[in-house]
Amino acid sequence: MKLQPIPHAISEQIAPLMHDLEDNRYAVRRKAQKALEDLGECARPWLLKAVESPPSLELRRRAEWILGRLPNPQQSPVLLRWSRTVEVLEHIATTDALALLERLADGAPGMPLTEEAQAALQRLR
């Protein structure tokens, strides 16, 4: 499996799903909830924002439920894999490694992989 940057389109996909969590229709809320669960770690930053300052109780409740189904951030295999990959790329610091870090850092804003790659590049500069 090749590590790819988080696509910018993910934000465009998540925003309407977060809005749909508050829809009056149960089927729409349930479909959005399932889609956010499937997005996993990519949805975490959005869900955390919804829990911190929810526009509605329904959104907060559903966001908390989805977050409860995601692995603890310290134990998440996806986050661990991203973190270790960035750490290795930073450590070897070859031209190819730096090029990959640049690509990862150009991913969707707010995503953990994007932010870790940006931080690694800052440290290397």
N, C-alpha and C. Protein backbone atom coordinates (compact mmCIF):
# COMPACT_ATOMS: atom_id res chain seq x y z
N MET A 1 0.84 -1.19 0.00
CA MET A 1 0.00 0.00 0.00
C MET A 1 0.88 1.24 0.00
N LYS A 2 0.63 2.14 -0.93
CA LYS A 2 1.37 3.38 -1.00
C LYS A 2 0.60 4.45 -0.23
N LEU A 3 1.33 5.20 0.56
CA LEU A 3 0.70 6.28 1.32
C LEU A 3 0.47 7.47 0.40
N GLN A 4 -0.73 7.95 0.37
CA GLN A 4 -1.11 9.08 -0.47
C GLN A 4 -1.58 10.23 0.42
N PRO A 5 -1.44 11.47 -0.07
CA PRO A 5 -1.99 12.58 0.70
C PRO A 5 -3.51 12.46 0.83
N ILE A 6 -4.03 13.02 1.89
CA ILE A 6 -5.48 13.03 2.07
C ILE A 6 -6.04 14.00 1.03
N PRO A 7 -6.94 13.55 0.16
CA PRO A 7 -7.46 14.43 -0.89
C PRO A 7 -8.22 15.62 -0.32
N HIS A 8 -8.06 16.76 -0.98
CA HIS A 8 -8.78 17.97 -0.56
C HIS A 8 -10.30 17.77 -0.65
N ALA A 9 -10.72 16.91 -1.54
CA ALA A 9 -12.16 16.66 -1.72
C ALA A 9 -12.80 16.03 -0.49
N ILE A 10 -11.98 15.49 0.41
CA ILE A 10 -12.53 14.85 1.61
C ILE A 10 -13.30 15.88 2.45
N SER A 11 -12.79 17.11 2.49
CA SER A 11 -13.48 18.17 3.24
C SER A 11 -14.83 18.48 2.60
N GLU A 12 -14.84 18.47 1.28
CA GLU A 12 -16.10 18.72 0.57
C GLU A 12 -17.08 17.58 0.78
N GLN A 13 -16.57 16.40 1.07
CA GLN A 13 -17.42 15.24 1.31
C GLN A 13 -17.93 15.24 2.76
N ILE A 14 -17.08 15.65 3.70
CA ILE A 14 -17.45 15.58 5.11
C ILE A 14 -18.43 16.68 5.51
N ALA A 15 -18.24 17.88 5.00
CA ALA A 15 -19.09 19.01 5.40
C ALA A 15 -20.58 18.72 5.23
N PRO A 16 -21.03 18.23 4.08
CA PRO A 16 -22.46 17.94 3.97
C PRO A 16 -22.91 16.78 4.86
N LEU A 17 -22.02 15.83 5.10
CA LEU A 17 -22.38 14.72 5.99
C LEU A 17 -22.61 15.23 7.41
N MET A 18 -21.76 16.15 7.85
CA MET A 18 -21.94 16.73 9.19
C MET A 18 -23.28 17.47 9.26
N HIS A 19 -23.61 18.18 8.20
CA HIS A 19 -24.89 18.88 8.15
C HIS A 19 -26.05 17.89 8.19
N ASP A 20 -25.89 16.77 7.48
CA ASP A 20 -26.95 15.76 7.44
C ASP A 20 -27.18 15.07 8.79
N LEU A 21 -26.20 15.13 9.68
CA LEU A 21 -26.40 14.54 11.01
C LEU A 21 -27.51 15.24 11.79
N GLU A 22 -27.87 16.43 11.36
CA GLU A 22 -28.94 17.19 12.03
C GLU A 22 -30.25 17.18 11.26
N ASP A 23 -30.31 16.46 10.17
CA ASP A 23 -31.51 16.44 9.34
C ASP A 23 -32.71 15.93 10.13
N ASN A 24 -33.87 16.37 9.74
CA ASN A 24 -35.11 15.95 10.42
C ASN A 24 -35.47 14.50 10.12
N ARG A 25 -34.95 13.98 9.02
CA ARG A 25 -35.28 12.61 8.62
C ARG A 25 -34.25 11.63 9.18
N TYR A 26 -34.76 10.60 9.84
CA TYR A 26 -33.88 9.61 10.45
C TYR A 26 -32.99 8.94 9.41
N ALA A 27 -33.55 8.59 8.27
CA ALA A 27 -32.77 7.87 7.24
C ALA A 27 -31.58 8.70 6.77
N VAL A 28 -31.76 10.00 6.65
CA VAL A 28 -30.67 10.87 6.22
C VAL A 28 -29.60 10.94 7.31
N ARG A 29 -30.04 11.08 8.57
CA ARG A 29 -29.08 11.13 9.69
C ARG A 29 -28.29 9.82 9.77
N ARG A 30 -28.99 8.72 9.65
CA ARG A 30 -28.34 7.40 9.76
C ARG A 30 -27.35 7.17 8.62
N LYS A 31 -27.71 7.58 7.41
CA LYS A 31 -26.82 7.43 6.26
C LYS A 31 -25.56 8.28 6.45
N ALA A 32 -25.72 9.49 6.93
CA ALA A 32 -24.57 10.37 7.17
C ALA A 32 -23.68 9.79 8.27
N GLN A 33 -24.30 9.27 9.30
CA GLN A 33 -23.55 8.67 10.41
C GLN A 33 -22.71 7.51 9.91
N LYS A 34 -23.30 6.65 9.11
CA LYS A 34 -22.58 5.49 8.55
C LYS A 34 -21.43 5.95 7.66
N ALA A 35 -21.66 6.95 6.83
CA ALA A 35 -20.61 7.46 5.94
C ALA A 35 -19.45 8.05 6.74
N LEU A 36 -19.75 8.76 7.81
CA LEU A 36 -18.70 9.33 8.65
C LEU A 36 -17.93 8.23 9.38
N GLU A 37 -18.64 7.20 9.82
CA GLU A 37 -17.95 6.06 10.44
C GLU A 37 -16.98 5.43 9.45
N ASP A 38 -17.42 5.29 8.21
CA ASP A 38 -16.57 4.69 7.18
C ASP A 38 -15.35 5.55 6.87
N LEU A 39 -15.48 6.85 7.00
CA LEU A 39 -14.34 7.75 6.76
C LEU A 39 -13.33 7.69 7.90
N GLY A 40 -13.75 7.21 9.05
CA GLY A 40 -12.85 6.98 10.18
C GLY A 40 -12.02 8.17 10.59
N GLU A 41 -10.70 7.99 10.57
CA GLU A 41 -9.78 9.02 11.06
C GLU A 41 -9.89 10.33 10.29
N CYS A 42 -10.28 10.26 9.05
CA CYS A 42 -10.43 11.49 8.27
C CYS A 42 -11.56 12.37 8.81
N ALA A 43 -12.55 11.74 9.42
CA ALA A 43 -13.69 12.49 9.96
C ALA A 43 -13.43 12.99 11.38
N ARG A 44 -12.42 12.43 12.06
CA ARG A 44 -12.19 12.76 13.47
C ARG A 44 -12.10 14.27 13.74
N PRO A 45 -11.31 15.06 12.98
CA PRO A 45 -11.23 16.49 13.29
C PRO A 45 -12.59 17.19 13.23
N TRP A 46 -13.39 16.84 12.26
CA TRP A 46 -14.72 17.44 12.13
C TRP A 46 -15.62 17.04 13.29
N LEU A 47 -15.55 15.78 13.68
CA LEU A 47 -16.38 15.29 14.78
C LEU A 47 -15.97 15.94 16.10
N LEU A 48 -14.68 16.12 16.29
CA LEU A 48 -14.22 16.77 17.52
C LEU A 48 -14.71 18.22 17.60
N LYS A 49 -14.70 18.90 16.47
CA LYS A 49 -15.23 20.28 16.45
C LYS A 49 -16.71 20.29 16.80
N ALA A 50 -17.44 19.31 16.29
CA ALA A 50 -18.88 19.24 16.55
C ALA A 50 -19.16 18.97 18.02
N VAL A 51 -18.31 18.21 18.68
CA VAL A 51 -18.50 17.92 20.10
C VAL A 51 -18.16 19.15 20.94
N GLU A 52 -17.12 19.89 20.54
CA GLU A 52 -16.69 21.06 21.32
C GLU A 52 -17.69 22.20 21.26
N SER A 53 -18.22 22.47 20.09
CA SER A 53 -19.18 23.58 19.97
C SER A 53 -20.29 23.18 19.00
N PRO A 54 -21.16 22.29 19.45
CA PRO A 54 -22.21 21.79 18.55
C PRO A 54 -23.30 22.83 18.32
N PRO A 55 -23.77 22.90 17.07
CA PRO A 55 -24.91 23.77 16.83
C PRO A 55 -26.20 23.18 17.38
N SER A 56 -26.20 21.86 17.63
CA SER A 56 -27.40 21.23 18.18
C SER A 56 -27.02 20.03 19.02
N LEU A 57 -27.92 19.65 19.89
CA LEU A 57 -27.72 18.48 20.74
C LEU A 57 -27.65 17.21 19.89
N GLU A 58 -28.46 17.14 18.85
CA GLU A 58 -28.48 15.96 17.97
C GLU A 58 -27.12 15.75 17.32
N LEU A 59 -26.53 16.82 16.81
CA LEU A 59 -25.22 16.72 16.18
C LEU A 59 -24.16 16.29 17.19
N ARG A 60 -24.21 16.87 18.36
CA ARG A 60 -23.24 16.51 19.39
C ARG A 60 -23.37 15.04 19.79
N ARG A 61 -24.58 14.60 19.98
CA ARG A 61 -24.82 13.22 20.40
C ARG A 61 -24.31 12.23 19.34
N ARG A 62 -24.61 12.50 18.10
CA ARG A 62 -24.18 11.60 17.03
C ARG A 62 -22.66 11.66 16.83
N ALA A 63 -22.08 12.86 16.94
CA ALA A 63 -20.62 12.99 16.81
C ALA A 63 -19.92 12.22 17.92
N GLU A 64 -20.42 12.34 19.14
CA GLU A 64 -19.84 11.60 20.27
C GLU A 64 -19.95 10.09 20.05
N TRP A 65 -21.07 9.66 19.51
CA TRP A 65 -21.27 8.23 19.28
C TRP A 65 -20.28 7.71 18.25
N ILE A 66 -20.09 8.46 17.15
CA ILE A 66 -19.14 8.05 16.12
C ILE A 66 -17.72 8.05 16.68
N LEU A 67 -17.37 9.09 17.43
CA LEU A 67 -16.03 9.15 18.03
C LEU A 67 -15.81 7.98 18.97
N GLY A 68 -16.85 7.58 19.68
CA GLY A 68 -16.75 6.44 20.58
C GLY A 68 -16.48 5.13 19.86
N ARG A 69 -16.85 5.06 18.60
CA ARG A 69 -16.61 3.85 17.81
C ARG A 69 -15.23 3.83 17.16
N LEU A 70 -14.60 5.01 17.07
CA LEU A 70 -13.25 5.07 16.52
C LEU A 70 -12.27 4.63 17.59
N PRO A 71 -11.13 4.05 17.19
CA PRO A 71 -10.14 3.67 18.20
C PRO A 71 -9.58 4.91 18.89
N ASN A 72 -9.13 4.74 20.11
CA ASN A 72 -8.47 5.80 20.84
C ASN A 72 -7.34 6.34 19.96
N PRO A 73 -7.16 7.68 19.86
CA PRO A 73 -6.12 8.22 18.99
C PRO A 73 -4.73 7.64 19.26
N GLN A 74 -4.42 7.33 20.51
CA GLN A 74 -3.11 6.77 20.83
C GLN A 74 -3.00 5.31 20.40
N GLN A 75 -4.13 4.67 20.10
CA GLN A 75 -4.12 3.26 19.73
C GLN A 75 -4.61 3.03 18.31
N SER A 76 -4.94 4.08 17.60
CA SER A 76 -5.47 3.95 16.25
C SER A 76 -4.40 3.43 15.30
N PRO A 77 -4.62 2.30 14.66
CA PRO A 77 -3.62 1.78 13.73
C PRO A 77 -3.36 2.74 12.57
N VAL A 78 -4.39 3.42 12.11
CA VAL A 78 -4.22 4.36 10.99
C VAL A 78 -3.34 5.53 11.40
N LEU A 79 -3.66 6.15 12.55
CA LEU A 79 -2.87 7.29 13.01
C LEU A 79 -1.43 6.87 13.32
N LEU A 80 -1.27 5.69 13.90
CA LEU A 80 0.06 5.19 14.20
C LEU A 80 0.87 4.97 12.92
N ARG A 81 0.24 4.39 11.92
CA ARG A 81 0.91 4.16 10.64
C ARG A 81 1.32 5.48 10.00
N TRP A 82 0.42 6.47 10.01
CA TRP A 82 0.74 7.77 9.44
C TRP A 82 1.91 8.41 10.19
N SER A 83 1.84 8.37 11.50
CA SER A 83 2.87 8.99 12.32
C SER A 83 4.24 8.33 12.10
N ARG A 84 4.27 7.03 12.09
CA ARG A 84 5.53 6.32 11.89
C ARG A 84 6.11 6.57 10.50
N THR A 85 5.25 6.62 9.52
CA THR A 85 5.71 6.87 8.15
C THR A 85 6.35 8.25 8.05
N VAL A 86 5.70 9.24 8.61
CA VAL A 86 6.25 10.59 8.58
C VAL A 86 7.57 10.64 9.35
N GLU A 87 7.62 9.97 10.49
CA GLU A 87 8.84 9.94 11.29
C GLU A 87 10.00 9.32 10.50
N VAL A 88 9.74 8.22 9.81
CA VAL A 88 10.79 7.57 9.02
C VAL A 88 11.23 8.48 7.87
N LEU A 89 10.27 9.07 7.18
CA LEU A 89 10.62 9.97 6.08
C LEU A 89 11.46 11.15 6.57
N GLU A 90 11.09 11.68 7.73
CA GLU A 90 11.85 12.79 8.30
C GLU A 90 13.25 12.34 8.67
N HIS A 91 13.36 11.15 9.21
CA HIS A 91 14.66 10.65 9.66
C HIS A 91 15.60 10.39 8.48
N ILE A 92 15.11 9.77 7.42
CA ILE A 92 16.00 9.47 6.30
C ILE A 92 16.29 10.70 5.46
N ALA A 93 15.35 11.61 5.33
CA ALA A 93 15.53 12.93 4.71
C ALA A 93 16.23 12.89 3.35
N THR A 94 16.00 11.86 2.57
CA THR A 94 16.56 11.84 1.22
C THR A 94 15.70 12.73 0.33
N THR A 95 16.14 12.94 -0.88
CA THR A 95 15.38 13.75 -1.82
C THR A 95 14.00 13.16 -2.06
N ASP A 96 13.94 11.84 -2.23
CA ASP A 96 12.64 11.18 -2.44
C ASP A 96 11.76 11.29 -1.20
N ALA A 97 12.36 11.13 -0.03
CA ALA A 97 11.59 11.23 1.22
C ALA A 97 11.03 12.64 1.40
N LEU A 98 11.85 13.64 1.11
CA LEU A 98 11.37 15.02 1.22
C LEU A 98 10.27 15.31 0.21
N ALA A 99 10.41 14.75 -0.99
CA ALA A 99 9.37 14.95 -2.01
C ALA A 99 8.04 14.34 -1.54
N LEU A 100 8.11 13.15 -0.93
CA LEU A 100 6.89 12.52 -0.43
C LEU A 100 6.31 13.33 0.73
N LEU A 101 7.16 13.83 1.62
CA LEU A 101 6.68 14.67 2.71
C LEU A 101 5.98 15.92 2.16
N GLU A 102 6.54 16.50 1.12
CA GLU A 102 5.91 17.68 0.50
C GLU A 102 4.53 17.33 -0.04
N ARG A 103 4.41 16.17 -0.69
CA ARG A 103 3.12 15.75 -1.22
C ARG A 103 2.11 15.51 -0.10
N LEU A 104 2.57 14.85 0.97
CA LEU A 104 1.68 14.58 2.10
C LEU A 104 1.26 15.88 2.79
N ALA A 105 2.17 16.83 2.87
CA ALA A 105 1.89 18.11 3.52
C ALA A 105 0.90 18.94 2.71
N ASP A 106 0.75 18.62 1.46
CA ASP A 106 -0.17 19.35 0.59
C ASP A 106 -1.56 18.71 0.59
N GLY A 107 -1.80 17.79 1.49
CA GLY A 107 -3.10 17.13 1.57
C GLY A 107 -4.15 18.04 2.18
N ALA A 108 -5.31 17.49 2.42
CA ALA A 108 -6.44 18.24 2.96
C ALA A 108 -6.08 18.90 4.29
N PRO A 109 -6.38 20.17 4.45
CA PRO A 109 -6.06 20.88 5.69
C PRO A 109 -6.79 20.28 6.89
N GLY A 110 -6.13 20.30 8.02
CA GLY A 110 -6.74 19.83 9.26
C GLY A 110 -6.65 18.34 9.49
N MET A 111 -6.20 17.59 8.52
CA MET A 111 -6.08 16.14 8.66
C MET A 111 -4.77 15.81 9.37
N PRO A 112 -4.78 14.81 10.24
CA PRO A 112 -3.57 14.49 11.01
C PRO A 112 -2.35 14.19 10.14
N LEU A 113 -2.53 13.46 9.06
CA LEU A 113 -1.40 13.15 8.18
C LEU A 113 -0.82 14.41 7.57
N THR A 114 -1.67 15.30 7.12
CA THR A 114 -1.22 16.56 6.52
C THR A 114 -0.45 17.38 7.55
N GLU A 115 -1.00 17.49 8.75
CA GLU A 115 -0.36 18.31 9.78
C GLU A 115 0.97 17.71 10.24
N GLU A 116 1.05 16.39 10.34
CA GLU A 116 2.32 15.77 10.74
C GLU A 116 3.38 15.98 9.68
N ALA A 117 3.00 15.86 8.42
CA ALA A 117 3.97 16.07 7.34
C ALA A 117 4.43 17.53 7.32
N GLN A 118 3.52 18.46 7.54
CA GLN A 118 3.89 19.88 7.58
C GLN A 118 4.86 20.15 8.74
N ALA A 119 4.59 19.56 9.89
CA ALA A 119 5.45 19.74 11.06
C ALA A 119 6.85 19.15 10.79
N ALA A 120 6.90 17.99 10.15
CA ALA A 120 8.19 17.38 9.84
C ALA A 120 9.00 18.26 8.89
N LEU A 121 8.32 18.82 7.90
CA LEU A 121 9.03 19.71 6.98
C LEU A 121 9.55 20.96 7.70
N GLN A 122 8.76 21.48 8.62
CA GLN A 122 9.21 22.64 9.40
C GLN A 122 10.45 22.30 10.21
N ARG A 123 10.47 21.14 10.81
CA ARG A 123 11.64 20.74 11.61
C ARG A 123 12.88 20.56 10.73
N LEU A 124 12.66 20.09 9.52
CA LEU A 124 13.78 19.86 8.62
C LEU A 124 14.35 21.15 8.03
N ARG A 125 13.56 22.19 8.04
CA ARG A 125 14.02 23.46 7.48
C ARG A 125 14.83 24.21 8.46
